[in-house]
Amino acid sequence: HHILVVQYSPKVSPTVPTEHQVKAG
């Protein structure tokens, strides 16, 4: 048995809305 591990560059994505409108405090 031989194991092959393949490395690859990252990908990133937001898991919440990309625009947040909040009140002060």
PDB file of all heavy atoms in Angstrom:
ATOM      1  N   HIS A   1       0.834  -1.200   0.000  1.00  0.00           N
ATOM      2  CA  HIS A   1       0.000   0.000   0.000  1.00  0.00           C
ATOM      3  C   HIS A   1       0.875   1.261   0.000  1.00  0.00           C
ATOM      4  O   HIS A   1       1.802   1.381   0.800  1.00  0.00           O
ATOM      5  CB  HIS A   1      -0.910   0.028   1.233  1.00  0.00           C
ATOM      6  CG  HIS A   1      -1.937  -1.054   1.246  1.00  0.00           C
ATOM      7  ND1 HIS A   1      -3.052  -1.008   2.051  1.00  0.00           N
ATOM      8  CD2 HIS A   1      -2.031  -2.206   0.553  1.00  0.00           C
ATOM      9  CE1 HIS A   1      -3.781  -2.088   1.869  1.00  0.00           C
ATOM     10  NE2 HIS A   1      -3.166  -2.841   0.964  1.00  0.00           N
ATOM     11  N   HIS A   2       0.541   2.188  -0.898  1.00  0.00           N
ATOM     12  CA  HIS A   2       1.165   3.508  -0.918  1.00  0.00           C
ATOM     13  C   HIS A   2       0.062   4.557  -0.780  1.00  0.00           C
ATOM     14  O   HIS A   2      -1.027   4.391  -1.338  1.00  0.00           O
ATOM     15  CB  HIS A   2       1.918   3.758  -2.225  1.00  0.00           C
ATOM     16  CG  HIS A   2       3.064   2.830  -2.464  1.00  0.00           C
ATOM     17  ND1 HIS A   2       4.159   2.763  -1.629  1.00  0.00           N
ATOM     18  CD2 HIS A   2       3.282   1.917  -3.451  1.00  0.00           C
ATOM     19  CE1 HIS A   2       5.010   1.872  -2.095  1.00  0.00           C
ATOM     20  NE2 HIS A   2       4.497   1.331  -3.191  1.00  0.00           N
ATOM     21  N   ILE A   3       0.347   5.624  -0.057  1.00  0.00           N
ATOM     22  CA  ILE A   3      -0.626   6.708   0.127  1.00  0.00           C
ATOM     23  C   ILE A   3      -0.158   7.934  -0.655  1.00  0.00           C
ATOM     24  O   ILE A   3       1.005   8.334  -0.545  1.00  0.00           O
ATOM     25  CB  ILE A   3      -0.795   7.061   1.615  1.00  0.00           C
ATOM     26  CG1 ILE A   3      -1.351   5.854   2.379  1.00  0.00           C
ATOM     27  CG2 ILE A   3      -1.718   8.266   1.787  1.00  0.00           C
ATOM     28  CD1 ILE A   3      -1.424   6.059   3.886  1.00  0.00           C
ATOM     29  N   LEU A   4      -1.060   8.496  -1.432  1.00  0.00           N
ATOM     30  CA  LEU A   4      -0.765   9.718  -2.188  1.00  0.00           C
ATOM     31  C   LEU A   4      -1.560  10.871  -1.590  1.00  0.00           C
ATOM     32  O   LEU A   4      -2.793  10.837  -1.556  1.00  0.00           O
ATOM     33  CB  LEU A   4      -1.117   9.553  -3.667  1.00  0.00           C
ATOM     34  CG  LEU A   4      -0.928  10.793  -4.549  1.00  0.00           C
ATOM     35  CD1 LEU A   4       0.519  11.271  -4.516  1.00  0.00           C
ATOM     36  CD2 LEU A   4      -1.374  10.528  -5.971  1.00  0.00           C
ATOM     37  N   VAL A   5      -0.837  11.884  -1.104  1.00  0.00           N
ATOM     38  CA  VAL A   5      -1.442  13.097  -0.550  1.00  0.00           C
ATOM     39  C   VAL A   5      -1.239  14.213  -1.559  1.00  0.00           C
ATOM     40  O   VAL A   5      -0.108  14.479  -1.989  1.00  0.00           O
ATOM     41  CB  VAL A   5      -0.798  13.474   0.802  1.00  0.00           C
ATOM     42  CG1 VAL A   5      -1.403  14.767   1.343  1.00  0.00           C
ATOM     43  CG2 VAL A   5      -0.975  12.339   1.809  1.00  0.00           C
ATOM     44  N   VAL A   6      -2.313  14.858  -1.946  1.00  0.00           N
ATOM     45  CA  VAL A   6      -2.248  15.935  -2.942  1.00  0.00           C
ATOM     46  C   VAL A   6      -2.512  17.271  -2.257  1.00  0.00           C
ATOM     47  O   VAL A   6      -3.561  17.463  -1.636  1.00  0.00           O
ATOM     48  CB  VAL A   6      -3.266  15.711  -4.081  1.00  0.00           C
ATOM     49  CG1 VAL A   6      -3.184  16.843  -5.095  1.00  0.00           C
ATOM     50  CG2 VAL A   6      -3.017  14.368  -4.764  1.00  0.00           C
ATOM     51  N   GLN A   7      -1.559  18.164  -2.359  1.00  0.00           N
ATOM     52  CA  GLN A   7      -1.701  19.498  -1.778  1.00  0.00           C
ATOM     53  C   GLN A   7      -2.222  20.474  -2.843  1.00  0.00           C
ATOM     54  O   GLN A   7      -1.828  20.390  -4.012  1.00  0.00           O
ATOM     55  CB  GLN A   7      -0.364  19.986  -1.231  1.00  0.00           C
ATOM     56  CG  GLN A   7       0.170  19.145  -0.079  1.00  0.00           C
ATOM     57  CD  GLN A   7       1.465  19.682   0.473  1.00  0.00           C
ATOM     58  OE1 GLN A   7       2.262  20.296  -0.225  1.00  0.00           O
ATOM     59  NE2 GLN A   7       1.705  19.453   1.756  1.00  0.00           N
ATOM     60  N   TYR A   8      -3.089  21.390  -2.412  1.00  0.00           N
ATOM     61  CA  TYR A   8      -3.639  22.373  -3.354  1.00  0.00           C
ATOM     62  C   TYR A   8      -3.884  23.691  -2.632  1.00  0.00           C
ATOM     63  O   TYR A   8      -4.033  23.746  -1.410  1.00  0.00           O
ATOM     64  CB  TYR A   8      -4.921  21.858  -4.005  1.00  0.00           C
ATOM     65  CG  TYR A   8      -5.970  21.357  -3.047  1.00  0.00           C
ATOM     66  CD1 TYR A   8      -6.990  22.186  -2.582  1.00  0.00           C
ATOM     67  CD2 TYR A   8      -5.947  20.035  -2.603  1.00  0.00           C
ATOM     68  CE1 TYR A   8      -7.949  21.726  -1.714  1.00  0.00           C
ATOM     69  CE2 TYR A   8      -6.913  19.564  -1.727  1.00  0.00           C
ATOM     70  CZ  TYR A   8      -7.913  20.409  -1.294  1.00  0.00           C
ATOM     71  OH  TYR A   8      -8.870  19.948  -0.425  1.00  0.00           O
ATOM     72  N   SER A   9      -3.898  24.753  -3.425  1.00  0.00           N
ATOM     73  CA  SER A   9      -4.006  26.108  -2.882  1.00  0.00           C
ATOM     74  C   SER A   9      -5.390  26.333  -2.273  1.00  0.00           C
ATOM     75  O   SER A   9      -6.357  25.641  -2.610  1.00  0.00           O
ATOM     76  CB  SER A   9      -3.732  27.140  -3.976  1.00  0.00           C
ATOM     77  OG  SER A   9      -4.622  26.961  -5.062  1.00  0.00           O
ATOM     78  N   PRO A  10      -5.504  27.336  -1.387  1.00  0.00           N
ATOM     79  CA  PRO A  10      -6.764  27.528  -0.654  1.00  0.00           C
ATOM     80  C   PRO A  10      -7.841  28.244  -1.455  1.00  0.00           C
ATOM     81  O   PRO A  10      -7.554  28.962  -2.418  1.00  0.00           O
ATOM     82  CB  PRO A  10      -6.320  28.387   0.532  1.00  0.00           C
ATOM     83  CG  PRO A  10      -5.145  29.155   0.027  1.00  0.00           C
ATOM     84  CD  PRO A  10      -4.438  28.245  -0.923  1.00  0.00           C
ATOM     85  N   LYS A  11      -9.068  27.996  -1.024  1.00  0.00           N
ATOM     86  CA  LYS A  11     -10.231  28.757  -1.458  1.00  0.00           C
ATOM     87  C   LYS A  11     -10.959  29.210  -0.201  1.00  0.00           C
ATOM     88  O   LYS A  11     -11.006  28.493   0.786  1.00  0.00           O
ATOM     89  CB  LYS A  11     -11.161  27.914  -2.334  1.00  0.00           C
ATOM     90  CG  LYS A  11     -10.587  27.548  -3.687  1.00  0.00           C
ATOM     91  CD  LYS A  11     -11.602  26.783  -4.529  1.00  0.00           C
ATOM     92  CE  LYS A  11     -11.050  26.439  -5.891  1.00  0.00           C
ATOM     93  NZ  LYS A  11     -12.040  25.678  -6.717  1.00  0.00           N
ATOM     94  N   VAL A  12     -11.527  30.403  -0.243  1.00  0.00           N
ATOM     95  CA  VAL A  12     -12.205  30.941   0.938  1.00  0.00           C
ATOM     96  C   VAL A  12     -13.530  31.549   0.520  1.00  0.00           C
ATOM     97  O   VAL A  12     -13.669  32.083  -0.594  1.00  0.00           O
ATOM     98  CB  VAL A  12     -11.317  31.991   1.651  1.00  0.00           C
ATOM     99  CG1 VAL A  12     -11.132  33.231   0.803  1.00  0.00           C
ATOM    100  CG2 VAL A  12     -11.874  32.335   3.022  1.00  0.00           C
ATOM    101  N   SER A  13     -14.518  31.435   1.393  1.00  0.00           N
ATOM    102  CA  SER A  13     -15.841  32.003   1.110  1.00  0.00           C
ATOM    103  C   SER A  13     -16.495  32.419   2.419  1.00  0.00           C
ATOM    104  O   SER A  13     -16.290  31.789   3.454  1.00  0.00           O
ATOM    105  CB  SER A  13     -16.722  30.991   0.384  1.00  0.00           C
ATOM    106  OG  SER A  13     -16.867  29.817   1.152  1.00  0.00           O
ATOM    107  N   PRO A  14     -17.274  33.499   2.396  1.00  0.00           N
ATOM    108  CA  PRO A  14     -17.967  33.936   3.616  1.00  0.00           C
ATOM    109  C   PRO A  14     -19.107  32.993   3.963  1.00  0.00           C
ATOM    110  O   PRO A  14     -19.754  32.435   3.076  1.00  0.00           O
ATOM    111  CB  PRO A  14     -18.482  35.330   3.244  1.00  0.00           C
ATOM    112  CG  PRO A  14     -18.584  35.327   1.756  1.00  0.00           C
ATOM    113  CD  PRO A  14     -17.512  34.411   1.260  1.00  0.00           C
ATOM    114  N   THR A  15     -19.356  32.808   5.243  1.00  0.00           N
ATOM    115  CA  THR A  15     -20.472  31.970   5.699  1.00  0.00           C
ATOM    116  C   THR A  15     -21.600  32.821   6.283  1.00  0.00           C
ATOM    117  O   THR A  15     -22.566  32.275   6.814  1.00  0.00           O
ATOM    118  CB  THR A  15     -19.984  30.959   6.754  1.00  0.00           C
ATOM    119  OG1 THR A  15     -19.374  31.660   7.838  1.00  0.00           O
ATOM    120  CG2 THR A  15     -18.965  30.001   6.147  1.00  0.00           C
ATOM    121  N   VAL A  16     -21.469  34.130   6.203  1.00  0.00           N
ATOM    122  CA  VAL A  16     -22.508  35.073   6.635  1.00  0.00           C
ATOM    123  C   VAL A  16     -22.657  36.105   5.519  1.00  0.00           C
ATOM    124  O   VAL A  16     -21.821  36.165   4.606  1.00  0.00           O
ATOM    125  CB  VAL A  16     -22.119  35.764   7.973  1.00  0.00           C
ATOM    126  CG1 VAL A  16     -22.064  34.752   9.100  1.00  0.00           C
ATOM    127  CG2 VAL A  16     -20.788  36.481   7.834  1.00  0.00           C
ATOM    128  N   PRO A  17     -23.720  36.930   5.555  1.00  0.00           N
ATOM    129  CA  PRO A  17     -23.869  37.955   4.515  1.00  0.00           C
ATOM    130  C   PRO A  17     -22.636  38.846   4.395  1.00  0.00           C
ATOM    131  O   PRO A  17     -21.971  39.149   5.394  1.00  0.00           O
ATOM    132  CB  PRO A  17     -25.094  38.753   4.990  1.00  0.00           C
ATOM    133  CG  PRO A  17     -25.883  37.783   5.804  1.00  0.00           C
ATOM    134  CD  PRO A  17     -24.871  36.913   6.489  1.00  0.00           C
ATOM    135  N   THR A  18     -22.331  39.265   3.186  1.00  0.00           N
ATOM    136  CA  THR A  18     -21.134  40.076   2.960  1.00  0.00           C
ATOM    137  C   THR A  18     -21.334  41.533   3.362  1.00  0.00           C
ATOM    138  O   THR A  18     -20.362  42.290   3.410  1.00  0.00           O
ATOM    139  CB  THR A  18     -20.715  40.016   1.476  1.00  0.00           C
ATOM    140  OG1 THR A  18     -21.818  40.431   0.652  1.00  0.00           O
ATOM    141  CG2 THR A  18     -20.317  38.595   1.093  1.00  0.00           C
ATOM    142  N   GLU A  19     -22.571  41.934   3.659  1.00  0.00           N
ATOM    143  CA  GLU A  19     -22.817  43.301   4.139  1.00  0.00           C
ATOM    144  C   GLU A  19     -23.581  43.236   5.454  1.00  0.00           C
ATOM    145  O   GLU A  19     -24.625  42.603   5.553  1.00  0.00           O
ATOM    146  CB  GLU A  19     -23.609  44.105   3.107  1.00  0.00           C
ATOM    147  CG  GLU A  19     -23.810  45.552   3.522  1.00  0.00           C
ATOM    148  CD  GLU A  19     -24.468  46.385   2.422  1.00  0.00           C
ATOM    149  OE1 GLU A  19     -23.887  46.473   1.327  1.00  0.00           O
ATOM    150  OE2 GLU A  19     -25.566  46.928   2.674  1.00  0.00           O
ATOM    151  N   HIS A  20     -23.017  43.885   6.481  1.00  0.00           N
ATOM    152  CA  HIS A  20     -23.631  43.914   7.807  1.00  0.00           C
ATOM    153  C   HIS A  20     -24.016  45.352   8.142  1.00  0.00           C
ATOM    154  O   HIS A  20     -23.170  46.244   8.116  1.00  0.00           O
ATOM    155  CB  HIS A  20     -22.646  43.396   8.871  1.00  0.00           C
ATOM    156  CG  HIS A  20     -22.395  41.924   8.778  1.00  0.00           C
ATOM    157  ND1 HIS A  20     -22.959  41.004   9.632  1.00  0.00           N
ATOM    158  CD2 HIS A  20     -21.638  41.213   7.919  1.00  0.00           C
ATOM    159  CE1 HIS A  20     -22.561  39.791   9.296  1.00  0.00           C
ATOM    160  NE2 HIS A  20     -21.754  39.893   8.263  1.00  0.00           N
ATOM    161  N   GLN A  21     -25.280  45.552   8.445  1.00  0.00           N
ATOM    162  CA  GLN A  21     -25.765  46.870   8.878  1.00  0.00           C
ATOM    163  C   GLN A  21     -26.229  46.725  10.322  1.00  0.00           C
ATOM    164  O   GLN A  21     -27.214  46.051  10.614  1.00  0.00           O
ATOM    165  CB  GLN A  21     -26.910  47.358   7.979  1.00  0.00           C
ATOM    166  CG  GLN A  21     -27.245  48.814   8.198  1.00  0.00           C
ATOM    167  CD  GLN A  21     -28.000  49.395   7.013  1.00  0.00           C
ATOM    168  OE1 GLN A  21     -28.018  48.817   5.934  1.00  0.00           O
ATOM    169  NE2 GLN A  21     -28.631  50.527   7.217  1.00  0.00           N
ATOM    170  N   VAL A  22     -25.485  47.346  11.235  1.00  0.00           N
ATOM    171  CA  VAL A  22     -25.760  47.181  12.657  1.00  0.00           C
ATOM    172  C   VAL A  22     -25.878  48.550  13.324  1.00  0.00           C
ATOM    173  O   VAL A  22     -25.360  49.550  12.820  1.00  0.00           O
ATOM    174  CB  VAL A  22     -24.653  46.349  13.348  1.00  0.00           C
ATOM    175  CG1 VAL A  22     -24.640  44.927  12.811  1.00  0.00           C
ATOM    176  CG2 VAL A  22     -23.297  46.992  13.157  1.00  0.00           C
ATOM    177  N   LYS A  23     -26.531  48.548  14.473  1.00  0.00           N
ATOM    178  CA  LYS A  23     -26.666  49.777  15.236  1.00  0.00           C
ATOM    179  C   LYS A  23     -25.489  49.926  16.189  1.00  0.00           C
ATOM    180  O   LYS A  23     -24.929  48.944  16.666  1.00  0.00           O
ATOM    181  CB  LYS A  23     -27.977  49.774  16.023  1.00  0.00           C
ATOM    182  CG  LYS A  23     -29.217  49.798  15.142  1.00  0.00           C
ATOM    183  CD  LYS A  23     -30.489  49.812  15.986  1.00  0.00           C
ATOM    184  CE  LYS A  23     -31.729  49.862  15.101  1.00  0.00           C
ATOM    185  NZ  LYS A  23     -32.975  49.883  15.919  1.00  0.00           N
ATOM    186  N   ALA A  24     -25.134  51.173  16.457  1.00  0.00           N
ATOM    187  CA  ALA A  24     -24.040  51.441  17.379  1.00  0.00           C
ATOM    188  C   ALA A  24     -24.327  50.792  18.734  1.00  0.00           C
ATOM    189  O   ALA A  24     -25.454  50.854  19.240  1.00  0.00           O
ATOM    190  CB  ALA A  24     -23.852  52.940  17.547  1.00  0.00           C
ATOM    191  N   GLY A  25     -23.309  50.156  19.294  1.00  0.00           N
ATOM    192  CA  GLY A  25     -23.462  49.467  20.563  1.00  0.00           C
ATOM    193  C   GLY A  25     -23.784  47.995  20.419  1.00  0.00           C
ATOM    194  O   GLY A  25     -23.665  47.240  21.388  1.00  0.00           O
TER     195      GLY A  25
END
